[in-house]
N, C-alpha and C. Protein backbone atom coordinates (compact mmCIF):
# COMPACT_ATOMS: atom_id res chain seq x y z
N MET A 1 0.86 -1.16 0.00
CA MET A 1 0.00 0.00 0.00
C MET A 1 0.90 1.23 0.00
N THR A 2 0.62 2.15 -0.91
CA THR A 2 1.43 3.37 -0.95
C THR A 2 1.04 4.27 0.20
N SER A 3 1.92 5.21 0.49
CA SER A 3 1.63 6.12 1.60
C SER A 3 0.44 7.01 1.30
N ILE A 4 0.20 7.33 0.02
CA ILE A 4 -0.94 8.18 -0.33
C ILE A 4 -2.25 7.43 -0.08
N SER A 5 -2.35 6.19 -0.54
CA SER A 5 -3.59 5.44 -0.31
C SER A 5 -3.80 5.19 1.18
N TYR A 6 -2.72 4.99 1.91
CA TYR A 6 -2.85 4.82 3.36
C TYR A 6 -3.39 6.09 4.00
N MET A 7 -2.90 7.23 3.58
CA MET A 7 -3.34 8.51 4.15
C MET A 7 -4.82 8.75 3.84
N ILE A 8 -5.24 8.42 2.62
CA ILE A 8 -6.64 8.62 2.26
C ILE A 8 -7.53 7.71 3.10
N TYR A 9 -7.17 6.44 3.21
CA TYR A 9 -7.97 5.49 3.99
C TYR A 9 -7.98 5.87 5.46
N ARG A 10 -6.86 6.34 5.95
CA ARG A 10 -6.74 6.69 7.36
C ARG A 10 -7.65 7.86 7.74
N ASN A 11 -7.89 8.75 6.79
CA ASN A 11 -8.69 9.94 7.08
C ASN A 11 -10.20 9.69 6.98
N ILE A 12 -10.60 8.52 6.56
CA ILE A 12 -12.03 8.19 6.51
C ILE A 12 -12.50 7.94 7.94
N GLU A 13 -13.56 8.64 8.31
CA GLU A 13 -14.07 8.47 9.68
C GLU A 13 -14.96 7.23 9.78
N TYR A 14 -15.01 6.71 10.97
CA TYR A 14 -15.91 5.59 11.25
C TYR A 14 -17.35 6.09 11.27
N LYS A 15 -18.27 5.21 10.90
CA LYS A 15 -19.69 5.51 10.94
C LYS A 15 -20.34 4.51 11.90
N ALA A 16 -21.38 4.95 12.57
CA ALA A 16 -22.17 4.05 13.40
C ALA A 16 -23.54 3.91 12.75
N LYS A 17 -23.95 2.67 12.52
CA LYS A 17 -25.26 2.41 11.90
C LYS A 17 -26.02 1.40 12.74
N PHE A 18 -27.33 1.56 12.73
CA PHE A 18 -28.20 0.65 13.46
C PHE A 18 -28.55 -0.54 12.58
N TYR A 19 -28.36 -1.75 13.13
CA TYR A 19 -28.81 -2.95 12.43
C TYR A 19 -30.31 -2.84 12.23
N LYS A 20 -30.77 -3.26 11.04
CA LYS A 20 -32.19 -3.23 10.73
C LYS A 20 -32.62 -4.60 10.22
N ASP A 21 -33.63 -5.15 10.86
CA ASP A 21 -34.19 -6.44 10.44
C ASP A 21 -35.07 -6.17 9.22
N VAL A 22 -34.67 -6.69 8.06
CA VAL A 22 -35.43 -6.41 6.83
C VAL A 22 -36.81 -7.07 6.83
N ARG A 23 -36.97 -8.12 7.62
CA ARG A 23 -38.29 -8.78 7.68
C ARG A 23 -39.31 -7.92 8.41
N THR A 24 -38.88 -7.26 9.49
CA THR A 24 -39.81 -6.45 10.29
C THR A 24 -39.64 -4.96 10.06
N ASN A 25 -38.55 -4.58 9.37
CA ASN A 25 -38.21 -3.18 9.13
C ASN A 25 -37.97 -2.41 10.44
N LYS A 26 -37.48 -3.11 11.46
CA LYS A 26 -37.24 -2.50 12.77
C LYS A 26 -35.78 -2.62 13.16
N SER A 27 -35.34 -1.65 13.96
CA SER A 27 -33.99 -1.66 14.50
C SER A 27 -34.10 -1.87 16.01
N PRO A 28 -33.60 -3.00 16.53
CA PRO A 28 -33.73 -3.27 17.96
C PRO A 28 -33.04 -2.22 18.84
N VAL A 29 -31.90 -1.72 18.41
CA VAL A 29 -31.18 -0.73 19.23
C VAL A 29 -31.91 0.60 19.22
N LEU A 30 -32.35 1.03 18.07
CA LEU A 30 -33.06 2.31 17.97
C LEU A 30 -34.37 2.26 18.76
N GLU A 31 -35.08 1.16 18.68
CA GLU A 31 -36.31 1.02 19.45
C GLU A 31 -36.02 1.03 20.95
N TYR A 32 -34.94 0.39 21.35
CA TYR A 32 -34.55 0.37 22.76
C TYR A 32 -34.27 1.79 23.25
N ILE A 33 -33.47 2.53 22.49
CA ILE A 33 -33.11 3.90 22.87
C ILE A 33 -34.35 4.79 22.93
N ASN A 34 -35.23 4.64 21.96
CA ASN A 34 -36.45 5.47 21.93
C ASN A 34 -37.38 5.19 23.10
N GLY A 35 -37.24 4.04 23.74
CA GLY A 35 -38.07 3.70 24.89
C GLY A 35 -37.53 4.19 26.22
N LEU A 36 -36.39 4.87 26.20
CA LEU A 36 -35.76 5.34 27.44
C LEU A 36 -36.11 6.80 27.72
N SER A 37 -35.76 7.23 28.92
CA SER A 37 -35.93 8.64 29.24
C SER A 37 -34.99 9.47 28.37
N GLU A 38 -35.27 10.75 28.28
CA GLU A 38 -34.45 11.64 27.44
C GLU A 38 -32.99 11.67 27.91
N LYS A 39 -32.78 11.70 29.22
CA LYS A 39 -31.41 11.74 29.76
C LYS A 39 -30.65 10.45 29.47
N GLU A 40 -31.32 9.31 29.67
CA GLU A 40 -30.66 8.03 29.40
C GLU A 40 -30.34 7.88 27.91
N ALA A 41 -31.29 8.26 27.06
CA ALA A 41 -31.07 8.19 25.62
C ALA A 41 -29.90 9.08 25.21
N ALA A 42 -29.83 10.28 25.77
CA ALA A 42 -28.74 11.21 25.44
C ALA A 42 -27.39 10.63 25.84
N LYS A 43 -27.33 9.99 27.00
CA LYS A 43 -26.06 9.40 27.45
C LYS A 43 -25.65 8.25 26.54
N ILE A 44 -26.60 7.42 26.14
CA ILE A 44 -26.29 6.30 25.24
C ILE A 44 -25.80 6.82 23.90
N LEU A 45 -26.46 7.84 23.35
CA LEU A 45 -26.03 8.40 22.08
C LEU A 45 -24.65 9.04 22.19
N LYS A 46 -24.35 9.61 23.33
CA LYS A 46 -23.02 10.18 23.57
C LYS A 46 -21.96 9.07 23.57
N TYR A 47 -22.25 7.94 24.19
CA TYR A 47 -21.32 6.80 24.20
C TYR A 47 -21.13 6.23 22.79
N ILE A 48 -22.21 6.18 22.01
CA ILE A 48 -22.11 5.69 20.63
C ILE A 48 -21.20 6.62 19.82
N GLU A 49 -21.34 7.91 20.02
CA GLU A 49 -20.48 8.87 19.34
C GLU A 49 -19.02 8.71 19.79
N PHE A 50 -18.81 8.49 21.07
CA PHE A 50 -17.48 8.25 21.62
C PHE A 50 -16.87 6.99 20.98
N LEU A 51 -17.68 5.96 20.84
CA LEU A 51 -17.25 4.72 20.20
C LEU A 51 -16.86 4.99 18.75
N ARG A 52 -17.67 5.76 18.04
CA ARG A 52 -17.40 6.08 16.64
C ARG A 52 -16.08 6.85 16.49
N ILE A 53 -15.90 7.86 17.31
CA ILE A 53 -14.70 8.70 17.26
C ILE A 53 -13.44 7.86 17.53
N ASN A 54 -13.57 6.85 18.38
CA ASN A 54 -12.43 6.01 18.75
C ASN A 54 -12.29 4.76 17.89
N GLY A 55 -12.88 4.76 16.73
CA GLY A 55 -12.69 3.68 15.77
C GLY A 55 -13.29 2.35 16.14
N GLY A 56 -14.37 2.38 16.92
CA GLY A 56 -15.06 1.14 17.25
C GLY A 56 -14.44 0.36 18.39
N TYR A 57 -13.46 0.95 19.06
CA TYR A 57 -12.82 0.22 20.15
C TYR A 57 -12.63 1.13 21.36
N LEU A 58 -13.17 0.69 22.48
CA LEU A 58 -12.97 1.38 23.76
C LEU A 58 -12.48 0.35 24.76
N ASP A 59 -11.64 0.77 25.67
CA ASP A 59 -11.17 -0.12 26.73
C ASP A 59 -12.26 -0.31 27.78
N GLU A 60 -12.05 -1.32 28.62
CA GLU A 60 -12.95 -1.50 29.76
C GLU A 60 -12.77 -0.31 30.68
N PRO A 61 -13.78 0.16 31.32
CA PRO A 61 -15.10 -0.43 31.53
C PRO A 61 -16.14 -0.04 30.47
N TYR A 62 -15.74 0.71 29.44
CA TYR A 62 -16.71 1.20 28.45
C TYR A 62 -17.14 0.14 27.44
N SER A 63 -16.25 -0.77 27.14
CA SER A 63 -16.53 -1.79 26.14
C SER A 63 -15.82 -3.08 26.53
N ARG A 64 -16.36 -4.18 26.02
CA ARG A 64 -15.77 -5.48 26.35
C ARG A 64 -16.04 -6.44 25.21
N HIS A 65 -15.07 -7.32 24.94
CA HIS A 65 -15.23 -8.34 23.91
C HIS A 65 -16.16 -9.43 24.43
N LEU A 66 -17.09 -9.90 23.57
CA LEU A 66 -17.99 -11.00 23.96
C LEU A 66 -17.62 -12.30 23.26
N ARG A 67 -17.88 -12.34 21.96
CA ARG A 67 -17.62 -13.55 21.16
C ARG A 67 -17.28 -13.15 19.74
N GLY A 68 -16.32 -13.82 19.16
CA GLY A 68 -15.98 -13.55 17.76
C GLY A 68 -15.70 -12.07 17.56
N LYS A 69 -16.43 -11.46 16.67
CA LYS A 69 -16.25 -10.03 16.38
C LYS A 69 -17.19 -9.15 17.20
N ILE A 70 -18.06 -9.75 17.99
CA ILE A 70 -19.07 -8.99 18.73
C ILE A 70 -18.48 -8.45 20.03
N ARG A 71 -18.73 -7.16 20.24
CA ARG A 71 -18.31 -6.47 21.47
C ARG A 71 -19.54 -5.91 22.16
N GLU A 72 -19.36 -5.49 23.39
CA GLU A 72 -20.45 -4.96 24.21
C GLU A 72 -20.09 -3.54 24.64
N LEU A 73 -20.93 -2.57 24.29
CA LEU A 73 -20.80 -1.19 24.77
C LEU A 73 -21.55 -1.13 26.09
N ARG A 74 -20.88 -0.63 27.13
CA ARG A 74 -21.44 -0.67 28.48
C ARG A 74 -21.74 0.75 28.96
N ILE A 75 -23.01 1.02 29.20
CA ILE A 75 -23.44 2.35 29.65
C ILE A 75 -24.22 2.19 30.95
N ASP A 76 -23.69 2.75 32.01
CA ASP A 76 -24.38 2.71 33.31
C ASP A 76 -24.98 4.07 33.59
N PHE A 77 -26.24 4.07 33.99
CA PHE A 77 -26.96 5.30 34.30
C PHE A 77 -27.71 5.06 35.60
N SER A 78 -27.22 5.65 36.67
CA SER A 78 -27.78 5.41 37.99
C SER A 78 -27.74 3.91 38.27
N HIS A 79 -28.88 3.28 38.51
CA HIS A 79 -28.91 1.85 38.78
C HIS A 79 -29.18 1.02 37.52
N ASN A 80 -29.34 1.69 36.39
CA ASN A 80 -29.62 0.99 35.14
C ASN A 80 -28.33 0.71 34.38
N LYS A 81 -28.20 -0.52 33.94
CA LYS A 81 -27.02 -0.93 33.17
C LYS A 81 -27.47 -1.27 31.76
N HIS A 82 -27.17 -0.38 30.84
CA HIS A 82 -27.54 -0.59 29.45
C HIS A 82 -26.38 -1.24 28.71
N ARG A 83 -26.71 -2.18 27.83
CA ARG A 83 -25.71 -2.87 27.04
C ARG A 83 -26.12 -2.85 25.58
N ILE A 84 -25.16 -2.52 24.73
CA ILE A 84 -25.39 -2.53 23.28
C ILE A 84 -24.32 -3.41 22.66
N PHE A 85 -24.76 -4.44 21.94
CA PHE A 85 -23.83 -5.31 21.23
C PHE A 85 -23.58 -4.72 19.85
N TYR A 86 -22.32 -4.78 19.41
CA TYR A 86 -21.95 -4.21 18.13
C TYR A 86 -20.75 -4.94 17.55
N PHE A 87 -20.46 -4.65 16.29
CA PHE A 87 -19.22 -5.12 15.67
C PHE A 87 -18.79 -4.10 14.63
N VAL A 88 -17.52 -4.14 14.27
CA VAL A 88 -16.99 -3.24 13.25
C VAL A 88 -17.00 -3.99 11.93
N PHE A 89 -17.66 -3.39 10.96
CA PHE A 89 -17.89 -4.01 9.65
C PHE A 89 -17.01 -3.34 8.61
N ILE A 90 -17.21 -3.72 7.36
CA ILE A 90 -16.42 -3.17 6.26
C ILE A 90 -16.61 -1.66 6.13
N LYS A 91 -15.63 -1.02 5.54
CA LYS A 91 -15.64 0.42 5.30
C LYS A 91 -15.78 1.22 6.59
N LYS A 92 -15.15 0.75 7.64
CA LYS A 92 -15.13 1.44 8.93
C LYS A 92 -16.54 1.75 9.43
N THR A 93 -17.41 0.77 9.39
CA THR A 93 -18.78 0.92 9.83
C THR A 93 -19.01 0.11 11.10
N ILE A 94 -19.50 0.76 12.12
CA ILE A 94 -19.86 0.10 13.38
C ILE A 94 -21.35 -0.23 13.29
N ILE A 95 -21.68 -1.50 13.38
CA ILE A 95 -23.09 -1.92 13.32
C ILE A 95 -23.56 -2.21 14.74
N LEU A 96 -24.57 -1.47 15.17
CA LEU A 96 -25.16 -1.64 16.50
C LEU A 96 -26.25 -2.70 16.38
N LEU A 97 -26.01 -3.86 16.97
CA LEU A 97 -26.83 -5.04 16.72
C LEU A 97 -28.05 -5.20 17.62
N TYR A 98 -27.85 -5.02 18.90
CA TYR A 98 -28.90 -5.37 19.85
C TYR A 98 -28.64 -4.65 21.17
N ALA A 99 -29.70 -4.27 21.87
CA ALA A 99 -29.55 -3.56 23.15
C ALA A 99 -30.52 -4.15 24.18
N PHE A 100 -30.09 -4.09 25.43
CA PHE A 100 -30.96 -4.55 26.52
C PHE A 100 -30.50 -3.93 27.83
N SER A 101 -31.35 -4.06 28.83
CA SER A 101 -31.03 -3.59 30.17
C SER A 101 -30.53 -4.79 30.98
N LYS A 102 -29.31 -4.68 31.45
CA LYS A 102 -28.69 -5.80 32.19
C LYS A 102 -29.16 -5.78 33.64
N ARG A 103 -29.69 -6.91 34.10
CA ARG A 103 -30.22 -7.00 35.46
C ARG A 103 -29.55 -8.11 36.28
N THR A 104 -28.62 -8.83 35.67
CA THR A 104 -27.93 -9.92 36.35
C THR A 104 -26.42 -9.69 36.28
N PRO A 105 -25.66 -10.32 37.17
CA PRO A 105 -24.20 -10.11 37.14
C PRO A 105 -23.54 -10.54 35.82
N ARG A 106 -24.03 -11.62 35.22
CA ARG A 106 -23.47 -12.10 33.96
C ARG A 106 -24.44 -11.81 32.82
N THR A 107 -23.88 -11.58 31.65
CA THR A 107 -24.72 -11.33 30.48
C THR A 107 -25.46 -12.61 30.11
N PRO A 108 -26.79 -12.55 30.05
CA PRO A 108 -27.56 -13.76 29.71
C PRO A 108 -27.23 -14.27 28.31
N ILE A 109 -27.09 -15.58 28.19
CA ILE A 109 -26.78 -16.22 26.90
C ILE A 109 -27.86 -15.90 25.88
N SER A 110 -29.12 -15.81 26.32
CA SER A 110 -30.21 -15.52 25.38
C SER A 110 -30.02 -14.16 24.71
N GLU A 111 -29.48 -13.19 25.42
CA GLU A 111 -29.23 -11.86 24.86
C GLU A 111 -28.08 -11.91 23.85
N ILE A 112 -27.05 -12.68 24.18
CA ILE A 112 -25.91 -12.83 23.27
C ILE A 112 -26.36 -13.53 21.98
N ARG A 113 -27.23 -14.50 22.10
CA ARG A 113 -27.73 -15.22 20.92
C ARG A 113 -28.52 -14.29 19.99
N LYS A 114 -29.29 -13.39 20.57
CA LYS A 114 -30.04 -12.43 19.74
C LYS A 114 -29.07 -11.55 18.96
N ALA A 115 -28.01 -11.12 19.62
CA ALA A 115 -27.00 -10.30 18.94
C ALA A 115 -26.31 -11.10 17.85
N GLU A 116 -26.01 -12.37 18.12
CA GLU A 116 -25.37 -13.22 17.11
C GLU A 116 -26.28 -13.42 15.89
N GLU A 117 -27.57 -13.61 16.12
CA GLU A 117 -28.51 -13.75 15.01
C GLU A 117 -28.49 -12.49 14.14
N ASN A 118 -28.50 -11.34 14.78
CA ASN A 118 -28.47 -10.08 14.04
C ASN A 118 -27.14 -9.90 13.31
N TYR A 119 -26.06 -10.35 13.94
CA TYR A 119 -24.73 -10.28 13.33
C TYR A 119 -24.69 -11.08 12.03
N TYR A 120 -25.15 -12.33 12.09
CA TYR A 120 -25.13 -13.18 10.90
C TYR A 120 -26.08 -12.65 9.83
N ASP A 121 -27.18 -12.07 10.25
CA ASP A 121 -28.11 -11.47 9.31
C ASP A 121 -27.46 -10.28 8.60
N ALA A 122 -26.74 -9.45 9.35
CA ALA A 122 -26.05 -8.29 8.77
C ALA A 122 -24.98 -8.73 7.78
N LEU A 123 -24.27 -9.81 8.09
CA LEU A 123 -23.23 -10.31 7.19
C LEU A 123 -23.81 -10.76 5.85
N LYS A 124 -25.06 -11.22 5.86
CA LYS A 124 -25.71 -11.67 4.62
C LYS A 124 -26.11 -10.51 3.73
N LYS A 125 -26.20 -9.29 4.31
CA LYS A 125 -26.68 -8.13 3.56
C LYS A 125 -25.73 -6.94 3.71
N PRO A 126 -24.47 -7.10 3.30
CA PRO A 126 -23.51 -6.00 3.48
C PRO A 126 -23.89 -4.74 2.73
N GLU A 127 -24.67 -4.86 1.66
CA GLU A 127 -25.04 -3.69 0.87
C GLU A 127 -25.93 -2.70 1.66
N LEU A 128 -26.55 -3.18 2.74
CA LEU A 128 -27.38 -2.29 3.56
C LEU A 128 -26.55 -1.37 4.46
N TYR A 129 -25.27 -1.72 4.63
CA TYR A 129 -24.44 -0.96 5.56
C TYR A 129 -23.26 -0.33 4.87
């Protein structure tokens, strides 16, 4: 790779996009955020922007690796623990897969499976992202 092409690629900013289920035309993360209070939603959107600015990778306690390419964005607001599963896709795109409110010490396997289903669905339709 020449230094010019590296410089051009390096200057492309990361994008954050919401996974969308084409069967239902719904985005689980967007629906989750829209169901929260204005303050909680604002904090989550701020963390998503922070994730985008940092190239899809944040150290703990803000983010954590789960399985394969899937990571967990961790947002705590008072006693509420919000979790957003995401992965970094082609063309520097962060796909926000699934969100939920964590109520147990360990992340439930059922929540991880939902994120994995959305992950594999997104991989089948790269043209959407």
